[in-house]
C-alpha atoms as a PDB file:
ATOM      1  CA  MET A   1      26.206  29.669   3.286  1.00  0.00           C
ATOM      2  CA  PRO A   2      26.510  28.482  -0.233  1.00  0.00           C
ATOM      3  CA  ILE A   3      27.387  30.970  -2.991  1.00  0.00           C
ATOM      4  CA  ILE A   4      26.481  28.976  -6.057  1.00  0.00           C
ATOM      5  CA  LYS A   5      22.803  29.326  -7.180  1.00  0.00           C
ATOM      6  CA  SER A   6      22.134  25.572  -7.420  1.00  0.00           C
ATOM      7  CA  ALA A   7      23.619  24.990  -4.008  1.00  0.00           C
ATOM      8  CA  LYS A   8      21.250  27.655  -2.562  1.00  0.00           C
ATOM      9  CA  LYS A   9      18.302  25.897  -4.164  1.00  0.00           C
ATOM     10  CA  ARG A  10      19.490  22.601  -2.820  1.00  0.00           C
ATOM     11  CA  VAL A  11      19.513  24.056   0.708  1.00  0.00           C
ATOM     12  CA  ARG A  12      15.955  25.314   0.248  1.00  0.00           C
ATOM     13  CA  SER A  13      14.688  21.964  -1.118  1.00  0.00           C
ATOM     14  CA  SER A  14      16.437  19.858   1.440  1.00  0.00           C
ATOM     15  CA  SER A  15      15.013  21.948   4.295  1.00  0.00           C
ATOM     16  CA  LYS A  16      11.504  21.555   2.880  1.00  0.00           C
ATOM     17  CA  ALA A  17      12.061  17.783   2.536  1.00  0.00           C
ATOM     18  CA  SER A  18      13.390  17.408   6.097  1.00  0.00           C
ATOM     19  CA  VAL A  19      10.225  19.116   7.438  1.00  0.00           C
ATOM     20  CA  ALA A  20       8.030  16.770   5.441  1.00  0.00           C
ATOM     21  CA  ASN A  21      10.081  13.692   6.519  1.00  0.00           C
ATOM     22  CA  ALA A  22       9.875  14.817  10.192  1.00  0.00           C
ATOM     23  CA  LYS A  23       6.128  15.125   9.929  1.00  0.00           C
ATOM     24  CA  THR A  24       5.807  11.679   8.380  1.00  0.00           C
ATOM     25  CA  LYS A  25       8.003  10.130  11.064  1.00  0.00           C
ATOM     26  CA  ARG A  26       6.162  11.882  13.881  1.00  0.00           C
ATOM     27  CA  THR A  27       2.798  10.614  12.527  1.00  0.00           C
ATOM     28  CA  MET A  28       4.170   7.100  12.388  1.00  0.00           C
ATOM     29  CA  ARG A  29       5.480   7.228  15.947  1.00  0.00           C
ATOM     30  CA  GLU A  30       2.270   8.650  17.259  1.00  0.00           C
ATOM     31  CA  SER A  31       0.164   5.992  15.629  1.00  0.00           C
ATOM     32  CA  ILE A  32       2.439   3.218  16.960  1.00  0.00           C
ATOM     33  CA  LYS A  33       2.282   4.701  20.526  1.00  0.00           C
ATOM     34  CA  ALA A  34      -1.510   4.900  20.263  1.00  0.00           C
ATOM     35  CA  PHE A  35      -1.613   1.259  19.270  1.00  0.00           C
ATOM     36  CA  GLN A  36       0.743   0.258  22.145  1.00  0.00           C
ATOM     37  CA  ALA A  37      -1.454   2.162  24.598  1.00  0.00           C
ATOM     38  CA  LYS A  38      -4.501   0.198  23.493  1.00  0.00           C
ATOM     39  CA  VAL A  39      -2.556  -3.093  23.757  1.00  0.00           C
ATOM     40  CA  THR A  40      -1.266  -2.365  27.251  1.00  0.00           C
ATOM     41  CA  SER A  41      -4.795  -1.398  28.406  1.00  0.00           C
ATOM     42  CA  LYS A  42      -6.115  -4.761  26.960  1.00  0.00           C
ATOM     43  CA  LYS A  43      -8.672  -3.040  24.798  1.00  0.00           C
ATOM     44  CA  ASP A  44      -9.561  -3.786  21.179  1.00  0.00           C
ATOM     45  CA  SER A  45      -6.716  -2.454  19.065  1.00  0.00           C
ATOM     46  CA  THR A  46      -7.849  -3.471  15.626  1.00  0.00           C
ATOM     47  CA  GLU A  47      -8.459   0.090  14.368  1.00  0.00           C
ATOM     48  CA  GLU A  48      -5.223   1.389  15.949  1.00  0.00           C
ATOM     49  CA  GLN A  49      -3.256  -1.439  14.361  1.00  0.00           C
ATOM     50  CA  SER A  50      -4.720  -0.628  10.997  1.00  0.00           C
ATOM     51  CA  GLU A  51      -3.782   3.055  11.348  1.00  0.00           C
ATOM     52  CA  ALA A  52      -0.237   2.200  12.489  1.00  0.00           C
ATOM     53  CA  TYR A  53       0.189  -0.164   9.488  1.00  0.00           C
ATOM     54  CA  SER A  54      -0.958   2.586   7.202  1.00  0.00           C
ATOM     55  CA  ALA A  55       1.423   5.161   8.764  1.00  0.00           C
ATOM     56  CA  ILE A  56       4.351   2.683   8.411  1.00  0.00           C
ATOM     57  CA  ASP A  57       3.415   1.990   4.766  1.00  0.00           C
ATOM     58  CA  THR A  58       3.250   5.719   4.049  1.00  0.00           C
ATOM     59  CA  ALA A  59       6.617   6.337   5.646  1.00  0.00           C
ATOM     60  CA  TYR A  60       8.181   3.500   3.526  1.00  0.00           C
ATOM     61  CA  LYS A  61       6.474   4.773   0.371  1.00  0.00           C
ATOM     62  CA  LYS A  62       7.902   8.367   0.929  1.00  0.00           C
ATOM     63  CA  GLY A  63      11.330   6.914   1.582  1.00  0.00           C
ATOM     64  CA  VAL A  64      11.555   7.952   5.258  1.00  0.00           C
ATOM     65  CA  ILE A  65      12.189   4.347   6.461  1.00  0.00           C
ATOM     66  CA  SER A  66      13.577   1.328   4.653  1.00  0.00           C
ATOM     67  CA  LYS A  67      11.604  -1.685   3.471  1.00  0.00           C
ATOM     68  CA  SER A  68      13.098  -3.960   6.086  1.00  0.00           C
ATOM     69  CA  LYS A  69      12.416  -1.433   8.870  1.00  0.00           C
ATOM     70  CA  ALA A  70       8.785  -1.178   7.801  1.00  0.00           C
ATOM     71  CA  ALA A  71       8.430  -4.965   7.771  1.00  0.00           C
ATOM     72  CA  ARG A  72      10.120  -5.259  11.183  1.00  0.00           C
ATOM     73  CA  LYS A  73       7.833  -2.627  12.698  1.00  0.00           C
ATOM     74  CA  LYS A  74       4.675  -4.281  11.264  1.00  0.00           C
ATOM     75  CA  SER A  75       5.827  -7.608  12.551  1.00  0.00           C
ATOM     76  CA  GLN A  76       6.451  -6.260  16.021  1.00  0.00           C
ATOM     77  CA  LEU A  77       3.005  -4.737  16.101  1.00  0.00           C
ATOM     78  CA  ASN A  78       1.468  -7.965  15.016  1.00  0.00           C
ATOM     79  CA  SER A  79       3.211 -10.072  17.492  1.00  0.00           C
ATOM     80  CA  ALA A  80       2.460  -7.631  20.375  1.00  0.00           C
ATOM     81  CA  SER A  81      -1.237  -7.762  19.337  1.00  0.00           C
ATOM     82  CA  LYS A  82      -1.331 -11.525  19.236  1.00  0.00           C
ATOM     83  CA  ALA A  83       0.486 -11.807  22.572  1.00  0.00           C
ATOM     84  CA  ALA A  84      -2.038  -9.497  24.220  1.00  0.00           C
ATOM     85  CA  GLY A  85      -4.986 -10.961  22.425  1.00  0.00           C
ATOM     86  CA  THR A  86      -6.415  -7.472  21.757  1.00  0.00           C
ATOM     87  CA  THR A  87      -7.185  -7.783  18.023  1.00  0.00           C
ATOM     88  CA  LYS A  88     -10.539  -9.193  17.107  1.00  0.00           C
ATOM     89  CA  PRO A  89     -10.412 -12.353  15.020  1.00  0.00           C
ATOM     90  CA  GLY A  90     -12.919 -11.009  12.586  1.00  0.00           C
ATOM     91  CA  SER A  91     -11.374  -7.812  11.403  1.00  0.00           C
ATOM     92  CA  LYS A  92     -12.906  -5.670   8.655  1.00  0.00           C
ATOM     93  CA  LYS A  93     -11.325  -7.459   5.757  1.00  0.00           C
ATOM     94  CA  THR A  94     -12.017 -11.042   6.893  1.00  0.00           C
ATOM     95  CA  ALA A  95     -15.492 -10.203   8.086  1.00  0.00           C
ATOM     96  CA  ALA A  96     -16.496  -8.853   4.694  1.00  0.00           C
ATOM     97  CA  LYS A  97     -15.171 -11.999   3.010  1.00  0.00           C
ATOM     98  CA  LYS A  98     -17.087 -14.338   5.438  1.00  0.00           C
ATOM     99  CA  ALA A  99     -20.328 -12.312   5.423  1.00  0.00           C
ATOM    100  CA  ALA A 100     -20.880 -12.469   1.666  1.00  0.00           C
ATOM    101  CA  PRO A 101     -20.111 -15.926   0.264  1.00  0.00           C
ATOM    102  CA  ALA A 102     -18.658 -15.677  -3.206  1.00  0.00           C
ATOM    103  CA  LYS A 103     -21.128 -16.720  -5.893  1.00  0.00           C
ATOM    104  CA  LYS A 104     -19.800 -18.334  -9.087  1.00  0.00           C
ATOM    105  CA  PRO A 105     -20.759 -16.350 -12.131  1.00  0.00           C
ATOM    106  CA  ALA A 106     -22.923 -18.182 -14.648  1.00  0.00           C
ATOM    107  CA  ALA A 107     -20.951 -19.760 -17.431  1.00  0.00           C
ATOM    108  CA  LYS A 108     -21.052 -17.649 -20.520  1.00  0.00           C
ATOM    109  CA  LYS A 109     -21.212 -19.121 -23.995  1.00  0.00           C
ATOM    110  CA  ALA A 110     -18.325 -18.208 -26.251  1.00  0.00           C
ATOM    111  CA  PRO A 111     -19.686 -16.173 -29.259  1.00  0.00           C
ATOM    112  CA  ALA A 112     -19.653 -17.959 -32.520  1.00  0.00           C
ATOM    113  CA  LYS A 113     -16.578 -17.064 -34.547  1.00  0.00           C
ATOM    114  CA  LYS A 114     -17.065 -15.540 -37.973  1.00  0.00           C
ATOM    115  CA  PRO A 115     -15.480 -17.386 -40.838  1.00  0.00           C
ATOM    116  CA  ALA A 116     -12.307 -15.837 -42.125  1.00  0.00           C
ATOM    117  CA  ALA A 117     -12.794 -13.552 -45.106  1.00  0.00           C
ATOM    118  CA  LYS A 118     -11.260 -14.755 -48.382  1.00  0.00           C
ATOM    119  CA  LYS A 119      -8.367 -12.748 -49.545  1.00  0.00           C
ATOM    120  CA  ALA A 120      -8.572 -11.114 -52.954  1.00  0.00           C
ATOM    121  CA  PRO A 121      -5.943 -12.386 -55.341  1.00  0.00           C
ATOM    122  CA  ALA A 122      -2.867 -10.050 -55.478  1.00  0.00           C
ATOM    123  CA  LYS A 123      -2.601  -7.803 -58.581  1.00  0.00           C
ATOM    124  CA  LYS A 124       0.306  -8.544 -60.742  1.00  0.00           C
ATOM    125  CA  THR A 125       2.438  -5.551 -61.576  1.00  0.00           C
ATOM    126  CA  SER A 126       4.214  -5.408 -64.825  1.00  0.00           C
ATOM    127  CA  LYS A 127       7.898  -4.685 -64.860  1.00  0.00           C
ATOM    128  CA  LYS A 128       8.892  -1.642 -66.904  1.00  0.00           C
END
């Protein structure tokens, strides 16, 4: 057990952090397992894939996993989904883009520029 006050505080803070990190990791693993269960049962896994991606991104943002591990996990999920053919081609994001075609805004006229104001002549100061 540490004797120094700062070391005692470090033990307390590290134990709190390890609990939070364990929760984040557990959430990530559970969402990945739920996704894999949907893929193996050949059901639509779009929602589970989205949740798993979100959990992986959260774990990366909190520093629980590295950037490369997050990318690798997401890539593995995507390839598993494509191989099983369980993700719908029109997911939420792409369906919203296709449903509402983008309209071009009307061209706005540039406001007329005001003429530059004339500067007043500088006052001469006398040397004393």
